[in-house]
Protein backbone atom coordinates (compact mmCIF):
# COMPACT_ATOMS: atom_id res chain seq x y z
CA UNK A 1 -1.41 45.91 -141.51
CA UNK A 2 0.06 44.21 -138.44
CA UNK A 3 -1.02 40.46 -138.47
CA UNK A 4 -2.16 39.17 -135.07
CA UNK A 5 -0.51 35.96 -133.56
CA UNK A 6 -2.84 33.12 -133.55
CA UNK A 7 -2.53 31.59 -130.51
CA UNK A 8 -4.24 28.49 -131.05
CA UNK A 9 -4.52 25.84 -133.98
CA UNK A 10 -7.08 25.66 -136.20
CA UNK A 11 -8.13 22.12 -134.74
CA UNK A 12 -6.71 21.77 -131.00
CA UNK A 13 -5.40 18.37 -130.04
CA UNK A 14 -8.03 18.07 -127.33
CA UNK A 15 -6.86 13.94 -126.60
CA UNK A 16 -3.56 13.15 -125.69
CA UNK A 17 -1.61 10.36 -127.69
CA UNK A 18 -2.40 8.22 -125.05
CA UNK A 19 -6.21 8.52 -125.39
CA UNK A 20 -8.52 6.93 -127.86
CA UNK A 21 -11.94 7.76 -129.03
CA UNK A 22 -14.97 4.82 -130.39
CA UNK A 23 -18.37 7.04 -131.06
CA UNK A 24 -21.25 6.38 -132.78
CA UNK A 25 -22.16 2.38 -133.92
CA UNK A 26 -18.86 1.35 -132.70
CA UNK A 27 -19.55 1.99 -128.99
CA UNK A 28 -23.05 0.12 -129.49
CA UNK A 29 -21.61 -2.57 -131.04
CA UNK A 30 -18.97 -3.09 -128.14
CA UNK A 31 -21.22 -2.68 -125.49
CA UNK A 32 -23.32 -5.19 -127.03
CA UNK A 33 -20.20 -7.33 -127.61
CA UNK A 34 -19.17 -7.24 -124.23
CA UNK A 35 -22.80 -7.45 -122.57
CA UNK A 36 -22.91 -10.80 -124.57
CA UNK A 37 -19.18 -11.94 -123.13
CA UNK A 38 -20.89 -11.52 -119.69
CA UNK A 39 -23.96 -13.03 -120.16
CA UNK A 40 -22.60 -15.94 -121.77
CA UNK A 41 -20.33 -17.17 -118.72
CA UNK A 42 -23.68 -16.14 -116.53
CA UNK A 43 -26.02 -17.85 -118.80
CA UNK A 44 -24.79 -21.31 -118.51
CA UNK A 45 -24.45 -21.34 -114.26
CA UNK A 46 -28.22 -20.90 -114.23
CA UNK A 47 -30.14 -23.04 -112.04
CA UNK A 48 -29.21 -26.13 -110.16
CA UNK A 49 -27.40 -28.04 -112.64
CA UNK A 50 -25.56 -25.14 -113.97
CA UNK A 51 -21.86 -25.19 -114.39
CA UNK A 52 -18.81 -23.60 -111.79
CA UNK A 53 -16.56 -21.14 -112.85
CA UNK A 54 -12.53 -21.40 -111.91
CA UNK A 55 -11.68 -17.75 -111.28
CA UNK A 56 -7.96 -16.77 -110.98
CA UNK A 57 -6.51 -12.89 -110.15
CA UNK A 58 -3.83 -11.68 -108.31
CA UNK A 59 -4.26 -10.62 -104.70
CA UNK A 60 -0.35 -8.93 -104.54
CA UNK A 61 2.43 -11.73 -105.10
CA UNK A 62 -0.33 -14.30 -104.48
CA UNK A 63 -1.87 -16.02 -107.18
CA UNK A 64 -5.58 -17.05 -105.75
CA UNK A 65 -7.72 -19.27 -107.57
CA UNK A 66 -11.89 -19.71 -106.74
CA UNK A 67 -14.43 -21.91 -108.50
CA UNK A 68 -17.42 -20.32 -108.13
CA UNK A 69 -20.96 -20.24 -109.85
CA UNK A 70 -21.71 -16.62 -108.02
CA UNK A 71 -22.38 -14.21 -111.04
CA UNK A 72 -20.85 -11.21 -108.85
CA UNK A 73 -17.61 -12.63 -108.98
CA UNK A 74 -17.60 -13.64 -112.65
CA UNK A 75 -18.88 -10.20 -113.86
CA UNK A 76 -16.24 -8.31 -111.46
CA UNK A 77 -13.54 -10.40 -112.52
CA UNK A 78 -14.79 -10.06 -116.03
CA UNK A 79 -14.67 -5.97 -115.12
CA UNK A 80 -10.96 -6.49 -114.79
CA UNK A 81 -9.73 -7.27 -118.07
CA UNK A 82 -12.87 -5.66 -119.62
CA UNK A 83 -13.40 -2.16 -118.17
CA UNK A 84 -16.81 -1.30 -119.87
CA UNK A 85 -18.64 -3.98 -117.99
CA UNK A 86 -17.61 -2.45 -114.93
CA UNK A 87 -21.37 -0.94 -115.82
CA UNK A 88 -23.08 -4.30 -115.25
CA UNK A 89 -20.61 -5.31 -112.33
CA UNK A 90 -21.49 -2.38 -110.69
CA UNK A 91 -25.47 -3.12 -111.04
CA UNK A 92 -24.75 -6.62 -109.83
CA UNK A 93 -23.80 -5.82 -106.78
CA UNK A 94 -26.61 -3.24 -106.18
CA UNK A 95 -28.61 -6.01 -106.93
CA UNK A 96 -27.20 -7.99 -104.23
CA UNK A 97 -27.00 -5.39 -101.78
CA UNK A 98 -30.69 -4.56 -101.92
CA UNK A 99 -32.30 -7.36 -103.33
CA UNK A 100 -30.12 -10.24 -102.53
CA UNK A 101 -31.02 -12.57 -105.13
CA UNK A 102 -32.06 -13.02 -109.17
CA UNK A 103 -28.55 -11.57 -110.81
CA UNK A 104 -27.57 -13.87 -112.90
CA UNK A 105 -31.53 -13.30 -114.37
CA UNK A 106 -30.44 -9.82 -114.59
CA UNK A 107 -27.43 -10.19 -116.25
CA UNK A 108 -29.14 -12.58 -118.81
CA UNK A 109 -32.16 -10.24 -119.69
CA UNK A 110 -29.83 -7.16 -119.94
CA UNK A 111 -27.71 -9.33 -122.92
CA UNK A 112 -30.97 -10.09 -124.64
CA UNK A 113 -32.87 -7.07 -124.50
CA UNK A 114 -29.56 -5.32 -126.10
CA UNK A 115 -29.76 -7.70 -128.68
CA UNK A 116 -33.05 -7.44 -129.80
CA UNK A 117 -32.35 -3.68 -129.56
CA UNK A 118 -29.43 -4.31 -132.30
CA UNK A 119 -32.19 -5.76 -134.19
CA UNK A 120 -34.09 -2.99 -134.30
CA UNK A 121 -31.97 -0.48 -135.16
CA UNK A 122 -30.60 -2.55 -137.94
CA UNK A 123 -34.07 -2.58 -139.59
CA UNK A 124 -34.56 1.42 -138.96
CA UNK A 125 -36.15 1.79 -135.15
CA UNK A 126 -34.46 4.80 -133.36
CA UNK A 127 -33.00 4.09 -129.58
CA UNK A 128 -35.44 6.50 -128.31
CA UNK A 129 -38.51 4.67 -130.02
CA UNK A 130 -36.96 1.20 -128.68
CA UNK A 131 -36.69 2.09 -125.00
CA UNK A 132 -40.14 4.08 -124.99
CA UNK A 133 -41.77 0.39 -125.64
CA UNK A 134 -38.85 -1.27 -123.44
CA UNK A 135 -41.05 1.21 -120.60
CA UNK A 136 -44.61 0.11 -121.68
CA UNK A 137 -43.29 -3.53 -121.53
CA UNK A 138 -41.87 -2.81 -118.08
CA UNK A 139 -44.76 -1.50 -116.85
CA UNK A 140 -47.10 -4.13 -118.38
CA UNK A 141 -44.67 -6.72 -116.76
CA UNK A 142 -44.88 -5.70 -113.44
CA UNK A 143 -48.78 -5.58 -113.24
CA UNK A 144 -48.78 -8.95 -114.62
CA UNK A 145 -46.46 -10.24 -111.91
CA UNK A 146 -48.66 -8.40 -109.28
CA UNK A 147 -51.38 -10.34 -110.74
CA UNK A 148 -50.07 -13.59 -111.02
CA UNK A 149 -48.54 -13.70 -107.51
CA UNK A 150 -50.34 -15.57 -104.78
CA UNK A 151 -50.17 -16.08 -100.81
CA UNK A 152 -47.23 -18.69 -100.08
CA UNK A 153 -48.33 -21.95 -98.87
CA UNK A 154 -47.10 -23.53 -95.44
CA UNK A 155 -43.35 -24.21 -94.91
CA UNK A 156 -42.75 -21.07 -96.47
CA UNK A 157 -39.51 -20.21 -95.63
CA UNK A 158 -37.88 -23.87 -96.53
CA UNK A 159 -39.37 -23.59 -100.15
CA UNK A 160 -37.62 -20.27 -100.64
CA UNK A 161 -34.39 -21.16 -99.03
CA UNK A 162 -34.17 -24.21 -101.01
CA UNK A 163 -34.83 -22.68 -104.55
CA UNK A 164 -31.80 -19.91 -102.87
CA UNK A 165 -29.27 -22.75 -102.11
CA UNK A 166 -29.74 -23.65 -106.00
CA UNK A 167 -28.62 -27.38 -105.18
CA UNK A 168 -25.42 -26.70 -104.22
CA UNK A 169 -26.55 -28.53 -100.67
CA UNK A 170 -24.54 -25.14 -98.81
CA UNK A 171 -27.92 -25.06 -96.60
CA UNK A 172 -28.21 -27.94 -94.45
CA UNK A 173 -32.65 -28.04 -92.93
CA UNK A 174 -30.91 -26.98 -89.57
CA UNK A 175 -29.23 -24.15 -90.82
CA UNK A 176 -32.32 -23.16 -92.74
CA UNK A 177 -33.89 -23.22 -89.83
CA UNK A 178 -31.29 -20.87 -87.97
CA UNK A 179 -31.63 -18.68 -90.78
CA UNK A 180 -35.99 -18.33 -90.35
CA UNK A 181 -34.84 -17.81 -86.37
CA UNK A 182 -32.39 -14.96 -86.59
CA UNK A 183 -34.91 -13.11 -88.91
CA UNK A 184 -37.45 -13.37 -86.23
CA UNK A 185 -35.34 -12.11 -83.41
CA UNK A 186 -34.41 -9.05 -85.63
CA UNK A 187 -37.74 -7.98 -85.96
CA UNK A 188 -38.78 -4.04 -84.59
CA UNK A 189 -41.36 -2.30 -84.65
CA UNK A 190 -42.54 -4.14 -87.66
CA UNK A 191 -39.31 -3.63 -89.80
CA UNK A 192 -36.16 -5.83 -90.33
CA UNK A 193 -32.18 -4.81 -90.27
CA UNK A 194 -30.64 -7.77 -91.25
CA UNK A 195 -26.93 -5.83 -90.25
CA UNK A 196 -28.05 -6.82 -86.88
CA UNK A 197 -27.40 -10.69 -87.83
CA UNK A 198 -23.83 -11.13 -87.08
CA UNK A 199 -22.19 -13.15 -89.56
CA UNK A 200 -18.89 -14.61 -87.71
CA UNK A 201 -16.80 -16.72 -89.89
CA UNK A 202 -14.46 -19.85 -88.32
CA UNK A 203 -12.65 -22.62 -90.34
CA UNK A 204 -12.67 -26.22 -88.87
CA UNK A 205 -15.22 -28.50 -88.81
CA UNK A 206 -18.24 -28.95 -91.72
CA UNK A 207 -20.61 -26.40 -92.68
CA UNK A 208 -23.35 -28.52 -90.99
CA UNK A 209 -21.78 -27.59 -87.66
CA UNK A 210 -23.06 -23.86 -88.05
CA UNK A 211 -25.08 -22.37 -85.62
CA UNK A 212 -27.56 -19.87 -84.40
CA UNK A 213 -26.13 -17.94 -81.03
CA UNK A 214 -28.98 -16.34 -79.86
CA UNK A 215 -26.77 -12.99 -78.60
CA UNK A 216 -24.09 -11.13 -79.85
CA UNK A 217 -20.22 -13.42 -80.52
CA UNK A 218 -17.47 -11.16 -79.59
CA UNK A 219 -13.67 -12.54 -81.21
CA UNK A 220 -11.91 -11.93 -77.94
CA UNK A 221 -11.83 -13.56 -74.64
CA UNK A 222 -11.33 -12.57 -71.05
CA UNK A 223 -8.82 -9.56 -70.36
CA UNK A 224 -7.50 -11.20 -67.71
CA UNK A 225 -6.64 -15.00 -66.78
CA UNK A 226 -7.90 -14.87 -63.32
CA UNK A 227 -11.86 -13.74 -64.56
CA UNK A 228 -14.44 -16.24 -64.73
CA UNK A 229 -15.52 -18.03 -67.38
CA UNK A 230 -19.51 -16.78 -66.98
CA UNK A 231 -21.32 -14.11 -65.68
CA UNK A 232 -25.10 -14.71 -65.02
CA UNK A 233 -26.96 -11.32 -65.56
CA UNK A 234 -24.58 -9.53 -66.64
CA UNK A 235 -25.14 -5.37 -66.39
CA UNK A 236 -22.72 -4.20 -68.90
CA UNK A 237 -20.28 -0.64 -69.65
CA UNK A 238 -19.30 -0.20 -72.68
CA UNK A 239 -16.53 2.54 -72.49
CA UNK A 240 -14.35 3.64 -75.70
CA UNK A 241 -11.91 3.57 -73.32
CA UNK A 242 -10.22 3.23 -70.10
CA UNK A 243 -6.59 4.49 -69.06
CA UNK A 244 -4.85 7.22 -66.60
CA UNK A 245 -5.23 10.15 -68.92
CA UNK A 246 -1.29 11.17 -69.96
CA UNK A 247 0.13 14.12 -68.19
CA UNK A 248 -0.33 17.14 -70.31
CA UNK A 249 -1.47 20.85 -69.59
CA UNK A 250 -3.79 23.21 -70.96
CA UNK A 251 -2.75 26.80 -72.19
CA UNK A 252 -5.80 29.33 -73.25
CA UNK A 253 -6.11 29.49 -77.20
CA UNK A 254 -2.76 26.80 -77.12
CA UNK A 255 -4.77 23.73 -76.75
CA UNK A 256 -2.91 20.97 -75.06
CA UNK A 257 0.43 20.47 -75.09
CA UNK A 258 2.97 17.29 -72.78
CA UNK A 259 4.54 18.32 -69.81
CA UNK A 260 7.77 17.14 -68.96
CA UNK A 261 8.35 15.75 -65.49
CA UNK A 262 11.15 16.45 -63.73
CA UNK A 263 11.99 13.93 -60.58
CA UNK A 264 15.17 14.45 -58.23
CA UNK A 265 14.44 12.67 -55.23
CA UNK A 266 13.43 8.77 -54.40
CA UNK A 267 10.36 10.17 -52.15
CA UNK A 268 8.98 11.83 -55.64
CA UNK A 269 9.36 8.67 -57.76
CA UNK A 270 7.25 6.97 -54.54
CA UNK A 271 4.41 9.95 -54.81
CA UNK A 272 4.60 9.42 -58.57
CA UNK A 273 3.98 5.89 -58.47
CA UNK A 274 1.32 6.36 -55.32
CA UNK A 275 -0.42 8.76 -57.28
CA UNK A 276 -0.76 6.57 -60.64
CA UNK A 277 -2.12 3.41 -58.18
CA UNK A 278 -4.66 5.93 -56.96
CA UNK A 279 -5.94 7.22 -60.38
CA UNK A 280 -6.02 3.69 -61.46
CA UNK A 281 -8.39 2.51 -58.87
CA UNK A 282 -10.65 5.39 -58.77
CA UNK A 283 -11.41 4.14 -62.83
CA UNK A 284 -12.26 1.12 -61.43
CA UNK A 285 -14.40 2.42 -58.60
CA UNK A 286 -16.14 4.71 -61.27
CA UNK A 287 -17.00 1.59 -62.99
CA UNK A 288 -18.04 -0.33 -60.18
CA UNK A 289 -20.19 2.88 -58.63
CA UNK A 290 -22.12 2.67 -61.99
CA UNK A 291 -23.19 -0.88 -60.79
CA UNK A 292 -21.66 -2.40 -63.84
CA UNK A 293 -20.15 -6.28 -63.67
CA UNK A 294 -19.22 -6.51 -66.84
CA UNK A 295 -16.49 -4.06 -68.97
CA UNK A 296 -16.35 -4.03 -72.28
CA UNK A 297 -14.09 -1.74 -73.73
CA UNK A 298 -13.45 -0.56 -77.34
CA UNK A 299 -9.42 0.63 -76.50
CA UNK A 300 -6.75 -2.09 -75.00
CA UNK A 301 -6.48 -1.98 -70.85
CA UNK A 302 -3.41 -1.63 -68.95
CA UNK A 303 -2.56 -4.89 -67.09
CA UNK A 304 -2.50 -3.28 -64.11
CA UNK A 305 -5.81 -1.95 -64.36
CA UNK A 306 -7.06 -5.39 -65.57
CA UNK A 307 -5.76 -7.11 -62.30
CA UNK A 308 -7.62 -4.55 -60.47
CA UNK A 309 -10.74 -5.13 -62.29
CA UNK A 310 -10.55 -8.89 -61.98
CA UNK A 311 -10.13 -8.51 -57.75
CA UNK A 312 -13.18 -5.94 -57.72
CA UNK A 313 -15.11 -9.00 -59.16
CA UNK A 314 -15.55 -7.01 -62.98
CA UNK A 315 -15.51 -9.19 -65.80
CA UNK A 316 -13.63 -7.19 -69.04
CA UNK A 317 -12.61 -7.50 -72.67
CA UNK A 318 -10.77 -5.05 -74.55
CA UNK A 319 -9.50 -3.98 -77.85
CA UNK A 320 -12.69 -5.33 -78.76
CA UNK A 321 -13.34 -4.64 -83.00
CA UNK A 322 -15.68 -1.72 -83.78
CA UNK A 323 -18.50 -3.43 -85.70
CA UNK A 324 -18.31 -6.33 -82.83
CA UNK A 325 -18.55 -3.36 -80.13
CA UNK A 326 -21.54 -1.96 -81.44
CA UNK A 327 -23.58 -5.20 -82.32
CA UNK A 328 -22.89 -6.18 -78.62
CA UNK A 329 -24.07 -2.00 -77.32
CA UNK A 330 -26.99 -2.19 -80.04
CA UNK A 331 -28.12 -5.95 -78.56
CA UNK A 332 -27.82 -5.19 -74.67
CA UNK A 333 -29.47 -1.97 -74.99
CA UNK A 334 -26.68 0.05 -73.28
CA UNK A 335 -25.09 3.82 -74.64
CA UNK A 336 -21.46 3.93 -75.58
CA UNK A 337 -19.61 6.35 -73.41
CA UNK A 338 -16.15 7.81 -73.39
CA UNK A 339 -14.55 6.85 -70.65
CA UNK A 340 -15.39 5.86 -66.91
CA UNK A 341 -15.95 9.19 -65.39
CA UNK A 342 -18.68 8.96 -67.94
CA UNK A 343 -20.70 6.18 -67.23
CA UNK A 344 -23.73 6.03 -65.50
CA UNK A 345 -26.76 3.37 -64.24
CA UNK A 346 -29.15 3.76 -67.27
CA UNK A 347 -26.17 3.81 -69.47
CA UNK A 348 -25.52 -0.33 -68.77
CA UNK A 349 -26.83 -2.81 -70.84
CA UNK A 350 -28.06 -6.19 -69.88
CA UNK A 351 -28.20 -9.93 -71.15
CA UNK A 352 -29.28 -13.26 -69.75
CA UNK A 353 -25.74 -14.68 -69.37
CA UNK A 354 -22.11 -13.82 -70.32
CA UNK A 355 -19.90 -17.17 -71.29
CA UNK A 356 -16.48 -17.86 -72.82
CA UNK A 357 -16.08 -20.37 -75.04
CA UNK A 358 -13.16 -21.48 -77.22
CA UNK A 359 -13.09 -22.14 -80.98
CA UNK A 360 -9.48 -23.43 -81.32
CA UNK A 361 -7.17 -22.05 -81.07
CA UNK A 362 -8.43 -18.25 -79.51
CA UNK A 363 -11.33 -17.84 -76.67
CA UNK A 364 -14.90 -16.17 -77.86
CA UNK A 365 -17.03 -14.34 -75.69
CA UNK A 366 -20.81 -15.13 -76.10
CA UNK A 367 -23.50 -12.78 -74.94
CA UNK A 368 -26.52 -14.51 -74.75
CA UNK A 369 -29.64 -11.83 -75.34
CA UNK A 370 -33.21 -11.64 -76.56
CA UNK A 371 -32.06 -8.46 -79.21
CA UNK A 372 -29.49 -10.25 -80.84
CA UNK A 373 -28.98 -12.94 -83.51
CA UNK A 374 -25.59 -14.53 -84.52
CA UNK A 375 -24.60 -17.19 -86.86
CA UNK A 376 -21.25 -19.36 -86.86
CA UNK A 377 -20.62 -20.44 -90.15
CA UNK A 378 -18.17 -23.23 -89.86
CA UNK A 379 -16.18 -25.09 -93.23
CA UNK A 380 -12.94 -26.84 -93.64
CA UNK A 381 -11.64 -24.49 -96.36
CA UNK A 382 -11.14 -20.56 -96.71
CA UNK A 383 -13.20 -20.77 -100.22
CA UNK A 384 -16.01 -22.99 -98.93
CA UNK A 385 -16.60 -20.48 -96.17
CA UNK A 386 -16.92 -17.35 -98.16
CA UNK A 387 -19.14 -19.22 -100.31
CA UNK A 388 -21.42 -20.32 -97.74
CA UNK A 389 -21.02 -16.65 -95.97
CA UNK A 390 -22.53 -15.23 -99.33
CA UNK A 391 -25.50 -17.75 -99.59
CA UNK A 392 -26.44 -16.75 -96.33
CA UNK A 393 -26.87 -12.75 -97.11
CA UNK A 394 -28.69 -13.54 -100.06
CA UNK A 395 -30.97 -15.73 -98.08
CA UNK A 396 -31.35 -13.46 -95.23
CA UNK A 397 -32.33 -10.47 -97.68
CA UNK A 398 -35.17 -12.66 -99.00
CA UNK A 399 -36.67 -13.80 -96.15
CA UNK A 400 -36.49 -9.75 -95.20
CA UNK A 401 -38.22 -9.20 -98.19
CA UNK A 402 -40.71 -12.64 -97.57
CA UNK A 403 -41.59 -10.65 -94.10
CA UNK A 404 -42.77 -7.38 -95.97
CA UNK A 405 -44.17 -8.85 -99.36
CA UNK A 406 -44.71 -12.34 -99.14
CA UNK A 407 -46.56 -13.09 -102.71
CA UNK A 408 -44.67 -15.72 -104.15
CA UNK A 409 -44.54 -16.87 -108.50
CA UNK A 410 -43.80 -19.86 -109.78
CA UNK A 411 -39.83 -20.10 -110.52
CA UNK A 412 -37.91 -22.41 -113.40
CA UNK A 413 -38.53 -19.52 -115.64
CA UNK A 414 -41.86 -19.90 -115.74
CA UNK A 415 -42.86 -16.17 -114.92
CA UNK A 416 -41.19 -15.24 -117.80
CA UNK A 417 -42.65 -17.65 -120.42
CA UNK A 418 -46.27 -16.37 -119.15
CA UNK A 419 -44.99 -12.57 -119.21
CA UNK A 420 -43.95 -13.28 -122.97
CA UNK A 421 -46.85 -15.05 -123.63
CA UNK A 422 -49.32 -11.84 -122.05
CA UNK A 423 -46.65 -9.19 -123.43
CA UNK A 424 -47.59 -10.91 -127.61
CA UNK A 425 -50.84 -10.46 -126.87
CA UNK A 426 -50.13 -6.80 -125.08
CA UNK A 427 -48.35 -5.89 -128.35
CA UNK A 428 -51.14 -6.15 -130.57
CA UNK A 429 -53.00 -3.44 -128.80
CA UNK A 430 -50.55 -1.19 -130.68
CA UNK A 431 -51.01 0.37 -134.00
CA UNK A 432 -47.33 1.92 -134.24
CA UNK A 433 -44.01 0.91 -134.04
CA UNK A 434 -44.50 0.07 -130.37
CA UNK A 435 -46.10 -3.14 -131.85
CA UNK A 436 -42.55 -4.33 -132.75
CA UNK A 437 -40.63 -3.50 -129.45
CA UNK A 438 -42.29 -4.81 -126.97
CA UNK A 439 -42.49 -8.20 -129.37
CA UNK A 440 -38.95 -8.24 -129.02
CA UNK A 441 -38.99 -7.47 -125.30
CA UNK A 442 -41.45 -10.57 -124.84
CA UNK A 443 -38.63 -12.54 -127.06
CA UNK A 444 -35.79 -11.26 -124.69
CA UNK A 445 -37.79 -12.45 -121.76
CA UNK A 446 -37.67 -16.56 -123.24
CA UNK A 447 -33.44 -16.58 -123.46
CA UNK A 448 -33.92 -17.14 -119.63
CA UNK A 449 -35.37 -20.25 -119.60
CA UNK A 450 -33.32 -21.35 -122.92
CA UNK A 451 -30.14 -21.37 -120.88
CA UNK A 452 -31.97 -23.15 -118.19
CA UNK A 453 -32.99 -26.03 -120.79
CA UNK A 454 -29.45 -26.22 -121.99
CA UNK A 455 -28.26 -26.09 -118.52
CA UNK A 456 -30.60 -29.28 -118.19
CA UNK A 457 -29.00 -30.95 -121.00
CA UNK A 458 -32.73 -30.49 -122.68
CA UNK A 459 -33.39 -29.01 -126.44
CA UNK A 460 -34.31 -25.34 -126.02
CA UNK A 461 -36.30 -25.37 -129.02
CA UNK A 462 -38.34 -28.04 -127.76
CA UNK A 463 -38.66 -27.01 -124.21
CA UNK A 464 -39.70 -23.50 -125.58
CA UNK A 465 -42.57 -25.09 -128.16
CA UNK A 466 -43.65 -27.35 -125.30
CA UNK A 467 -43.85 -23.98 -122.49
CA UNK A 468 -45.10 -21.92 -125.04
CA UNK A 469 -48.58 -24.85 -125.71
CA UNK A 470 -48.67 -24.91 -121.94
CA UNK A 471 -49.23 -20.98 -121.23
CA UNK A 472 -51.30 -20.71 -124.30
CA UNK A 473 -53.70 -23.08 -122.32
CA UNK A 474 -53.45 -21.26 -119.04
CA UNK A 475 -50.77 -23.45 -117.15
CA UNK A 476 -49.03 -20.68 -115.93
CA UNK A 477 -46.62 -22.80 -113.34
CA UNK A 478 -45.04 -24.58 -116.31
CA UNK A 479 -41.19 -24.07 -116.07
CA UNK A 480 -38.11 -25.34 -116.73
CA UNK A 481 -37.63 -29.00 -114.74
CA UNK A 482 -34.57 -31.58 -114.69
CA UNK A 483 -36.97 -33.79 -116.46
CA UNK A 484 -38.36 -31.46 -118.59
CA UNK A 485 -41.65 -29.20 -118.17
CA UNK A 486 -42.89 -29.45 -114.83
CA UNK A 487 -45.60 -27.50 -112.81
CA UNK A 488 -43.12 -25.63 -110.36
CA UNK A 489 -46.17 -25.04 -107.69
CA UNK A 490 -46.33 -28.93 -107.54
CA UNK A 491 -42.42 -28.94 -106.89
CA UNK A 492 -42.21 -26.47 -104.47
CA UNK A 493 -40.23 -24.26 -106.35
CA UNK A 494 -41.16 -20.59 -105.79
CA UNK A 495 -39.73 -17.05 -105.91
CA UNK A 496 -40.85 -13.84 -104.38
CA UNK A 497 -42.66 -11.33 -106.77
CA UNK A 498 -40.89 -8.68 -105.71
CA UNK A 499 -37.66 -10.33 -106.81
CA UNK A 500 -38.94 -10.60 -110.54
CA UNK A 501 -40.27 -7.05 -110.15
CA UNK A 502 -36.88 -5.59 -109.61
CA UNK A 503 -35.20 -7.61 -111.94
CA UNK A 504 -37.29 -6.45 -115.02
CA UNK A 505 -37.18 -2.99 -113.64
CA UNK A 506 -33.22 -2.62 -113.59
CA UNK A 507 -32.72 -4.73 -116.56
CA UNK A 508 -35.21 -1.65 -118.18
CA UNK A 509 -32.45 0.86 -116.31
CA UNK A 510 -29.35 -0.60 -117.61
CA UNK A 511 -30.20 -1.21 -121.04
CA UNK A 512 -31.71 2.45 -121.32
CA UNK A 513 -28.43 3.45 -119.78
CA UNK A 514 -26.23 1.50 -122.74
CA UNK A 515 -28.49 2.51 -125.65
CA UNK A 516 -27.80 6.55 -124.88
CA UNK A 517 -23.99 5.82 -125.09
CA UNK A 518 -22.63 7.39 -128.10
CA UNK A 519 -19.55 8.13 -127.10
CA UNK A 520 -16.56 6.19 -125.48
CA UNK A 521 -13.16 7.78 -124.35
CA UNK A 522 -10.65 5.52 -122.74
CA UNK A 523 -7.11 4.99 -121.85
CA UNK A 524 -4.99 3.27 -123.91
CA UNK A 525 -3.01 0.15 -122.41
CA UNK A 526 -5.08 0.29 -119.33
CA UNK A 527 -3.28 -1.48 -116.19
CA UNK A 528 -5.24 -4.02 -115.30
CA UNK A 529 -4.74 -4.03 -111.29
CA UNK A 530 -6.44 -6.99 -109.74
CA UNK A 531 -8.20 -7.58 -106.19
CA UNK A 532 -6.07 -6.53 -103.04
């Protein structure tokens, strides 16, 4: 009998030599260890007395150092060294993008929930049972927050922004007023688009020199030195380009191709130059005929065209960045068109005033209009301006959420202590294993004010005992302050209820994801690429 040739070995080698695999409880232990590592770096940065971190990374050949207490920067850098933390880093970025605050609380809560789940697994609980109990606790927490949240008192924005600043003194009283006004300026049909608030960074001066510009800032000056420094009641045309079309022919079914110009006499040169001048003048005439006295162009305008625009009394700005170009068109109500032959009177935008200002060493153009808001942020160093910009973006998101759902809860960990207290009573309503799981969820919530107590230099155990006693007697607003237990409402330390609900829900989603991982495939000796 012929023996058939075996094509594949009995146990094929699926993984290459430079690849590894972790499975079972080892994966779970790794996720728990890395989440605890991230939480330990974030937890002692919580609150106004939290510590700063020195983050270093390579940007090409340059070593960059950053002093920050921003949780996203910290976990993002940890994700370079420990790729498994990238899950937490991406979740933190999503939290910042959509909610704006509560990132440190989220990461500490995720680590605490994983640690409590580890204890339950050790005594025989299945991960699915844990997640089912966590889900019930999450839904109950959201209901409790809705019940506790109340309408804010006066100076709501002021108190909310102080909590966002978290004792860093980045948001001065003047800048806090500017932020509130900026949000009010971009309300349209009951909705708020924070992307309409333009943020411009400029080195030099102090952070208190930051100001709100009622309009749009374009970081370009006039296109020709003879143009005016200001224009009242400008009528603005927005063009993608303003140029004489290059010489080309179009052939059927073949598209455009360049033609070669053959000049054999002096008269032909003069005729060619004359035709070029006529075409340039025609472009300017088209702009003038539309009624525009200001032209903003996305591309570069030739010097000869700029000179003719100036002679015809048209102010021009060219080579404008895409984001500034679109922001200015949106704020002035203009429609962007392709070239001069397409612009019409109804495409023009309007503003109260256009003026040229100078922030050394370059000129900027300021369009003052009712539908725009720009925050010009100043600072003495790159790091300070970057941190100020991050804080301002967070503040704008929080102010946006406060307009749609202004109900607030006490800060300083008070809401989490109250949740833990009520969840323990809720756990007694279950007869099965859910009673243990919901109780563990309550224990995890208390890790946040434990970190706060430690950062204030207080004893976490003593603070936990005092807080539990206060909340058991009905004092729901008692939280962790610099001097111990204080009423957060009396101290005007408040948080949005919607932010706390989002934190609890996102923490559950992350824990649910990490608990269901039972296999990890990885490449050995992963090269570490830092930020560019």
